Amino acid sequence: MHFNIYLDDETGKRLTEAAQQAGENRNAVIRRAVQEWLARRVEPQWPETVLSFTGEPDMPAFEANREHLGSAKADPLA
């Protein structure tokens, strides 16, 4: 897939210099930068061990102790 992008002169000059120093062409540098940016934007996923966790059989449900909780306090930072 092909795209055209437009960079200001200073950014284009810096890209050309950085690509030359890395021994790569500008397209390769841009491609890698976009791939890295997209990889960082992926929503984090819980590991399968967490997703498949069904609880501890000997542990009482949290809701079982709800009657022992005090009343909610006003949030001092609100």
N, C-alpha and C. Protein backbone atom coordinates (compact mmCIF):
# COMPACT_ATOMS: atom_id res chain seq x y z
N MET A 1 0.85 -1.16 0.00
CA MET A 1 0.00 0.00 0.00
C MET A 1 0.90 1.23 0.00
N HIS A 2 0.52 2.21 -0.75
CA HIS A 2 1.33 3.42 -0.88
C HIS A 2 0.58 4.61 -0.30
N PHE A 3 1.33 5.49 0.34
CA PHE A 3 0.78 6.73 0.89
C PHE A 3 1.71 7.87 0.55
N ASN A 4 1.16 9.02 0.41
CA ASN A 4 1.96 10.24 0.29
C ASN A 4 1.81 11.00 1.59
N ILE A 5 2.93 11.46 2.12
CA ILE A 5 2.87 12.31 3.30
C ILE A 5 3.65 13.59 2.99
N TYR A 6 3.29 14.63 3.67
CA TYR A 6 3.95 15.91 3.47
C TYR A 6 4.55 16.35 4.79
N LEU A 7 5.86 16.64 4.75
CA LEU A 7 6.58 17.09 5.93
C LEU A 7 7.10 18.50 5.68
N ASP A 8 7.21 19.26 6.76
CA ASP A 8 7.84 20.57 6.61
C ASP A 8 9.33 20.35 6.31
N ASP A 9 9.96 21.38 5.79
CA ASP A 9 11.35 21.26 5.34
C ASP A 9 12.29 20.78 6.44
N GLU A 10 12.16 21.33 7.62
CA GLU A 10 13.06 20.96 8.73
C GLU A 10 12.88 19.48 9.10
N THR A 11 11.64 19.03 9.20
CA THR A 11 11.38 17.62 9.55
C THR A 11 11.91 16.70 8.46
N GLY A 12 11.70 17.08 7.20
CA GLY A 12 12.20 16.27 6.08
C GLY A 12 13.72 16.17 6.10
N LYS A 13 14.38 17.29 6.39
CA LYS A 13 15.84 17.30 6.46
C LYS A 13 16.33 16.40 7.59
N ARG A 14 15.69 16.52 8.75
CA ARG A 14 16.08 15.69 9.90
C ARG A 14 15.84 14.21 9.61
N LEU A 15 14.75 13.89 8.93
CA LEU A 15 14.45 12.50 8.57
C LEU A 15 15.51 11.96 7.62
N THR A 16 15.86 12.73 6.63
CA THR A 16 16.88 12.30 5.67
C THR A 16 18.21 12.03 6.37
N GLU A 17 18.61 12.95 7.23
CA GLU A 17 19.88 12.78 7.96
C GLU A 17 19.84 11.56 8.87
N ALA A 18 18.74 11.38 9.59
CA ALA A 18 18.63 10.24 10.51
C ALA A 18 18.64 8.92 9.74
N ALA A 19 17.95 8.88 8.60
CA ALA A 19 17.93 7.66 7.80
C ALA A 19 19.32 7.34 7.27
N GLN A 20 20.05 8.37 6.81
CA GLN A 20 21.41 8.15 6.32
C GLN A 20 22.31 7.62 7.42
N GLN A 21 22.19 8.21 8.62
CA GLN A 21 23.01 7.75 9.75
C GLN A 21 22.69 6.32 10.12
N ALA A 22 21.42 5.92 9.96
CA ALA A 22 21.02 4.55 10.29
C ALA A 22 21.30 3.58 9.16
N GLY A 23 21.71 4.11 8.00
CA GLY A 23 21.97 3.25 6.85
C GLY A 23 20.69 2.71 6.24
N GLU A 24 19.60 3.46 6.37
CA GLU A 24 18.31 3.03 5.83
C GLU A 24 17.76 4.14 4.94
N ASN A 25 16.73 3.80 4.17
CA ASN A 25 16.08 4.86 3.40
C ASN A 25 14.94 5.45 4.24
N ARG A 26 14.45 6.59 3.80
CA ARG A 26 13.41 7.28 4.57
C ARG A 26 12.15 6.44 4.71
N ASN A 27 11.78 5.74 3.65
CA ASN A 27 10.56 4.91 3.71
C ASN A 27 10.67 3.86 4.80
N ALA A 28 11.83 3.23 4.92
CA ALA A 28 12.01 2.20 5.95
C ALA A 28 11.89 2.81 7.34
N VAL A 29 12.47 4.00 7.52
CA VAL A 29 12.39 4.66 8.83
C VAL A 29 10.95 5.03 9.15
N ILE A 30 10.24 5.58 8.19
CA ILE A 30 8.84 5.96 8.41
C ILE A 30 7.99 4.72 8.68
N ARG A 31 8.20 3.66 7.91
CA ARG A 31 7.46 2.41 8.10
C ARG A 31 7.65 1.87 9.52
N ARG A 32 8.90 1.84 9.98
CA ARG A 32 9.18 1.34 11.32
C ARG A 32 8.55 2.24 12.39
N ALA A 33 8.62 3.55 12.18
CA ALA A 33 8.04 4.49 13.14
C ALA A 33 6.53 4.29 13.25
N VAL A 34 5.87 4.10 12.12
CA VAL A 34 4.41 3.90 12.13
C VAL A 34 4.08 2.57 12.80
N GLN A 35 4.84 1.52 12.51
CA GLN A 35 4.61 0.22 13.14
C GLN A 35 4.76 0.31 14.66
N GLU A 36 5.80 1.00 15.12
CA GLU A 36 6.01 1.15 16.56
C GLU A 36 4.90 1.97 17.20
N TRP A 37 4.45 3.01 16.52
CA TRP A 37 3.37 3.85 17.03
C TRP A 37 2.08 3.05 17.14
N LEU A 38 1.77 2.27 16.12
CA LEU A 38 0.56 1.44 16.15
C LEU A 38 0.65 0.38 17.24
N ALA A 39 1.82 -0.20 17.45
CA ALA A 39 1.98 -1.22 18.49
C ALA A 39 1.72 -0.63 19.88
N ARG A 40 2.10 0.62 20.10
CA ARG A 40 1.86 1.25 21.39
C ARG A 40 0.40 1.60 21.61
N ARG A 41 -0.37 1.75 20.53
CA ARG A 41 -1.77 2.14 20.63
C ARG A 41 -2.70 0.95 20.86
N VAL A 42 -2.20 -0.25 20.81
CA VAL A 42 -3.03 -1.44 21.01
C VAL A 42 -3.53 -1.46 22.44
N GLU A 43 -4.81 -1.76 22.59
CA GLU A 43 -5.37 -1.86 23.93
C GLU A 43 -4.68 -3.01 24.66
N PRO A 44 -4.24 -2.77 25.89
CA PRO A 44 -3.60 -3.84 26.63
C PRO A 44 -4.59 -4.99 26.88
N GLN A 45 -4.10 -6.18 26.78
CA GLN A 45 -4.92 -7.37 26.97
C GLN A 45 -4.49 -8.08 28.25
N TRP A 46 -5.48 -8.56 28.99
CA TRP A 46 -5.16 -9.35 30.16
C TRP A 46 -4.60 -10.70 29.71
N PRO A 47 -3.62 -11.23 30.43
CA PRO A 47 -3.10 -12.56 30.08
C PRO A 47 -4.20 -13.61 30.24
N GLU A 48 -4.09 -14.68 29.49
CA GLU A 48 -5.09 -15.75 29.53
C GLU A 48 -5.27 -16.31 30.94
N THR A 49 -4.19 -16.38 31.72
CA THR A 49 -4.32 -16.90 33.09
C THR A 49 -5.25 -16.03 33.94
N VAL A 50 -5.24 -14.73 33.69
CA VAL A 50 -6.13 -13.83 34.42
C VAL A 50 -7.56 -13.98 33.89
N LEU A 51 -7.71 -14.02 32.57
CA LEU A 51 -9.04 -14.13 31.98
C LEU A 51 -9.74 -15.43 32.37
N SER A 52 -8.99 -16.49 32.55
CA SER A 52 -9.60 -17.78 32.86
C SER A 52 -9.75 -18.03 34.36
N PHE A 53 -9.29 -17.09 35.19
CA PHE A 53 -9.38 -17.26 36.64
C PHE A 53 -10.84 -17.25 37.09
N THR A 54 -11.23 -18.25 37.83
CA THR A 54 -12.63 -18.36 38.28
C THR A 54 -12.76 -18.18 39.79
N GLY A 55 -11.67 -17.85 40.43
CA GLY A 55 -11.73 -17.62 41.87
C GLY A 55 -11.16 -18.78 42.66
N GLU A 56 -11.07 -18.56 43.96
CA GLU A 56 -10.60 -19.59 44.88
C GLU A 56 -11.81 -20.23 45.53
N PRO A 57 -11.94 -21.53 45.47
CA PRO A 57 -13.14 -22.18 46.00
C PRO A 57 -13.32 -22.00 47.51
N ASP A 58 -12.24 -21.84 48.27
CA ASP A 58 -12.34 -21.73 49.73
C ASP A 58 -12.53 -20.28 50.19
N MET A 59 -12.51 -19.34 49.29
CA MET A 59 -12.65 -17.94 49.63
C MET A 59 -14.12 -17.54 49.56
N PRO A 60 -14.64 -16.89 50.61
CA PRO A 60 -16.03 -16.43 50.52
C PRO A 60 -16.15 -15.29 49.50
N ALA A 61 -17.31 -15.17 48.91
CA ALA A 61 -17.54 -14.10 47.95
C ALA A 61 -17.45 -12.76 48.67
N PHE A 62 -16.94 -11.75 48.00
CA PHE A 62 -16.81 -10.42 48.59
C PHE A 62 -18.16 -9.92 49.10
N GLU A 63 -19.19 -10.16 48.32
CA GLU A 63 -20.52 -9.69 48.66
C GLU A 63 -21.01 -10.26 50.00
N ALA A 64 -20.49 -11.40 50.43
CA ALA A 64 -20.93 -12.04 51.67
C ALA A 64 -20.61 -11.16 52.88
N ASN A 65 -19.64 -10.26 52.78
CA ASN A 65 -19.24 -9.42 53.91
C ASN A 65 -19.71 -7.98 53.76
N ARG A 66 -20.52 -7.71 52.77
CA ARG A 66 -20.98 -6.36 52.51
C ARG A 66 -21.73 -5.77 53.71
N GLU A 67 -22.45 -6.58 54.44
CA GLU A 67 -23.23 -6.09 55.58
C GLU A 67 -22.34 -5.57 56.71
N HIS A 68 -21.09 -5.96 56.72
CA HIS A 68 -20.16 -5.52 57.76
C HIS A 68 -19.43 -4.22 57.41
N LEU A 69 -19.66 -3.74 56.19
CA LEU A 69 -19.00 -2.50 55.77
C LEU A 69 -19.70 -1.30 56.39
N GLY A 70 -18.91 -0.29 56.70
CA GLY A 70 -19.48 0.96 57.21
C GLY A 70 -20.13 1.74 56.09
N SER A 71 -20.77 2.83 56.45
CA SER A 71 -21.40 3.66 55.43
C SER A 71 -20.33 4.41 54.65
N ALA A 72 -20.67 4.80 53.46
CA ALA A 72 -19.74 5.52 52.61
C ALA A 72 -19.44 6.89 53.21
N LYS A 73 -18.20 7.31 53.13
CA LYS A 73 -17.77 8.61 53.62
C LYS A 73 -17.74 9.59 52.46
N ALA A 74 -17.95 10.86 52.77
CA ALA A 74 -17.84 11.89 51.74
C ALA A 74 -16.39 11.96 51.27
N ASP A 75 -16.19 12.12 50.00
CA ASP A 75 -14.85 12.20 49.43
C ASP A 75 -14.28 13.59 49.73
N PRO A 76 -13.18 13.68 50.52
CA PRO A 76 -12.63 14.98 50.86
C PRO A 76 -12.00 15.70 49.67
N LEU A 77 -11.73 14.98 48.60
CA LEU A 77 -11.11 15.59 47.43
C LEU A 77 -12.13 15.97 46.36
N ALA A 78 -13.38 15.63 46.60
CA ALA A 78 -14.42 15.92 45.59
C ALA A 78 -14.86 17.36 45.67
